[in-house]
Amino acid sequence: MRKARSSEILGLAKHSGHTVNQLGNGATRRK
């Protein structure tokens, strides 16, 4: 159960990271 929860959290974090990375890249490019 704990492993499944970690997997879910990791998946969410990965998704969030991708979005944050895209946003960060856009901000850096704009700068």
PDB file of N, CA and C in Angstrom:
ATOM      1  N   MET A   1       0.843  -1.201   0.000  1.00  0.00           N
ATOM      2  CA  MET A   1       0.000   0.000   0.000  1.00  0.00           C
ATOM      3  C   MET A   1       0.880   1.255   0.000  1.00  0.00           C
ATOM      4  N   ARG A   2       1.869   1.234   0.861  1.00  0.00           N
ATOM      5  CA  ARG A   2       2.750   2.409   0.937  1.00  0.00           C
ATOM      6  C   ARG A   2       3.476   2.599  -0.399  1.00  0.00           C
ATOM      7  N   LYS A   3       3.878   1.470  -0.990  1.00  0.00           N
ATOM      8  CA  LYS A   3       4.591   1.559  -2.267  1.00  0.00           C
ATOM      9  C   LYS A   3       3.680   2.158  -3.340  1.00  0.00           C
ATOM     10  N   ALA A   4       2.437   1.711  -3.352  1.00  0.00           N
ATOM     11  CA  ALA A   4       1.478   2.224  -4.347  1.00  0.00           C
ATOM     12  C   ALA A   4       1.303   3.729  -4.150  1.00  0.00           C
ATOM     13  N   ARG A   5       1.203   4.124  -2.894  1.00  0.00           N
ATOM     14  CA  ARG A   5       1.021   5.560  -2.608  1.00  0.00           C
ATOM     15  C   ARG A   5       2.239   6.334  -3.125  1.00  0.00           C
ATOM     16  N   SER A   6       3.420   5.816  -2.872  1.00  0.00           N
ATOM     17  CA  SER A   6       4.644   6.502  -3.313  1.00  0.00           C
ATOM     18  C   SER A   6       4.638   6.614  -4.839  1.00  0.00           C
ATOM     19  N   SER A   7       4.205   5.540  -5.479  1.00  0.00           N
ATOM     20  CA  SER A   7       4.169   5.534  -6.946  1.00  0.00           C
ATOM     21  C   SER A   7       3.223   6.624  -7.439  1.00  0.00           C
ATOM     22  N   GLU A   8       2.063   6.713  -6.802  1.00  0.00           N
ATOM     23  CA  GLU A   8       1.085   7.733  -7.209  1.00  0.00           C
ATOM     24  C   GLU A   8       1.674   9.124  -7.012  1.00  0.00           C
ATOM     25  N   ILE A   9       2.307   9.329  -5.856  1.00  0.00           N
ATOM     26  CA  ILE A   9       2.901  10.643  -5.550  1.00  0.00           C
ATOM     27  C   ILE A   9       4.009  10.946  -6.561  1.00  0.00           C
ATOM     28  N   LEU A  10       4.802   9.923  -6.871  1.00  0.00           N
ATOM     29  CA  LEU A  10       5.902  10.115  -7.818  1.00  0.00           C
ATOM     30  C   LEU A  10       5.337  10.497  -9.184  1.00  0.00           C
ATOM     31  N   GLY A  11       4.278   9.810  -9.584  1.00  0.00           N
ATOM     32  CA  GLY A  11       3.653  10.100 -10.874  1.00  0.00           C
ATOM     33  C   GLY A  11       3.150  11.532 -10.912  1.00  0.00           C
ATOM     34  N   LEU A  12       2.505  11.952  -9.836  1.00  0.00           N
ATOM     35  CA  LEU A  12       1.978  13.322  -9.772  1.00  0.00           C
ATOM     36  C   LEU A  12       3.140  14.314  -9.793  1.00  0.00           C
ATOM     37  N   ALA A  13       4.177  14.010  -9.028  1.00  0.00           N
ATOM     38  CA  ALA A  13       5.334  14.904  -8.956  1.00  0.00           C
ATOM     39  C   ALA A  13       5.987  15.008 -10.335  1.00  0.00           C
ATOM     40  N   LYS A  14       6.067  13.859 -11.017  1.00  0.00           N
ATOM     41  CA  LYS A  14       6.675  13.868 -12.350  1.00  0.00           C
ATOM     42  C   LYS A  14       5.853  14.752 -13.282  1.00  0.00           C
ATOM     43  N   HIS A  15       4.532  14.602 -13.226  1.00  0.00           N
ATOM     44  CA  HIS A  15       3.650  15.400 -14.080  1.00  0.00           C
ATOM     45  C   HIS A  15       3.832  16.888 -13.755  1.00  0.00           C
ATOM     46  N   SER A  16       3.847  17.193 -12.453  1.00  0.00           N
ATOM     47  CA  SER A  16       3.992  18.591 -12.015  1.00  0.00           C
ATOM     48  C   SER A  16       5.357  19.108 -12.452  1.00  0.00           C
ATOM     49  N   GLY A  17       6.388  18.273 -12.300  1.00  0.00           N
ATOM     50  CA  GLY A  17       7.736  18.677 -12.679  1.00  0.00           C
ATOM     51  C   GLY A  17       7.792  19.037 -14.153  1.00  0.00           C
ATOM     52  N   HIS A  18       7.148  18.225 -14.981  1.00  0.00           N
ATOM     53  CA  HIS A  18       7.158  18.499 -16.418  1.00  0.00           C
ATOM     54  C   HIS A  18       6.522  19.854 -16.705  1.00  0.00           C
ATOM     55  N   THR A  19       5.396  20.119 -16.051  1.00  0.00           N
ATOM     56  CA  THR A  19       4.701  21.389 -16.269  1.00  0.00           C
ATOM     57  C   THR A  19       5.573  22.539 -15.779  1.00  0.00           C
ATOM     58  N   VAL A  20       6.163  22.362 -14.607  1.00  0.00           N
ATOM     59  CA  VAL A  20       7.007  23.415 -14.031  1.00  0.00           C
ATOM     60  C   VAL A  20       8.208  23.651 -14.940  1.00  0.00           C
ATOM     61  N   ASN A  21       8.783  22.563 -15.443  1.00  0.00           N
ATOM     62  CA  ASN A  21       9.941  22.696 -16.323  1.00  0.00           C
ATOM     63  C   ASN A  21       9.561  23.477 -17.575  1.00  0.00           C
ATOM     64  N   GLN A  22       8.411  23.154 -18.149  1.00  0.00           N
ATOM     65  CA  GLN A  22       7.966  23.852 -19.364  1.00  0.00           C
ATOM     66  C   GLN A  22       7.768  25.331 -19.068  1.00  0.00           C
ATOM     67  N   LEU A  23       7.142  25.617 -17.926  1.00  0.00           N
ATOM     68  CA  LEU A  23       6.886  27.015 -17.551  1.00  0.00           C
ATOM     69  C   LEU A  23       8.220  27.720 -17.303  1.00  0.00           C
ATOM     70  N   GLY A  24       9.121  27.035 -16.610  1.00  0.00           N
ATOM     71  CA  GLY A  24      10.430  27.618 -16.305  1.00  0.00           C
ATOM     72  C   GLY A  24      11.192  27.901 -17.588  1.00  0.00           C
ATOM     73  N   ASN A  25      11.157  26.947 -18.512  1.00  0.00           N
ATOM     74  CA  ASN A  25      11.850  27.133 -19.785  1.00  0.00           C
ATOM     75  C   ASN A  25      11.283  28.342 -20.521  1.00  0.00           C
ATOM     76  N   GLY A  26       9.967  28.476 -20.511  1.00  0.00           N
ATOM     77  CA  GLY A  26       9.323  29.602 -21.191  1.00  0.00           C
ATOM     78  C   GLY A  26       9.760  30.912 -20.559  1.00  0.00           C
ATOM     79  N   ALA A  27       9.810  30.950 -19.230  1.00  0.00           N
ATOM     80  CA  ALA A  27      10.203  32.179 -18.528  1.00  0.00           C
ATOM     81  C   ALA A  27      11.658  32.510 -18.858  1.00  0.00           C
ATOM     82  N   THR A  28      12.509  31.484 -18.882  1.00  0.00           N
ATOM     83  CA  THR A  28      13.926  31.723 -19.174  1.00  0.00           C
ATOM     84  C   THR A  28      14.076  32.212 -20.613  1.00  0.00           C
ATOM     85  N   ARG A  29      13.311  31.626 -21.510  1.00  0.00           N
ATOM     86  CA  ARG A  29      13.406  32.028 -22.919  1.00  0.00           C
ATOM     87  C   ARG A  29      12.930  33.469 -23.072  1.00  0.00           C
ATOM     88  N   ARG A  30      11.871  33.807 -22.364  1.00  0.00           N
ATOM     89  CA  ARG A  30      11.333  35.169 -22.456  1.00  0.00           C
ATOM     90  C   ARG A  30      12.370  36.157 -21.945  1.00  0.00           C
ATOM     91  N   LYS A  31      13.021  35.786 -20.865  1.00  0.00           N
ATOM     92  CA  LYS A  31      14.034  36.672 -20.281  1.00  0.00           C
ATOM     93  C   LYS A  31      15.128  36.870 -21.325  1.00  0.00           C
TER      94      LYS A  31
END
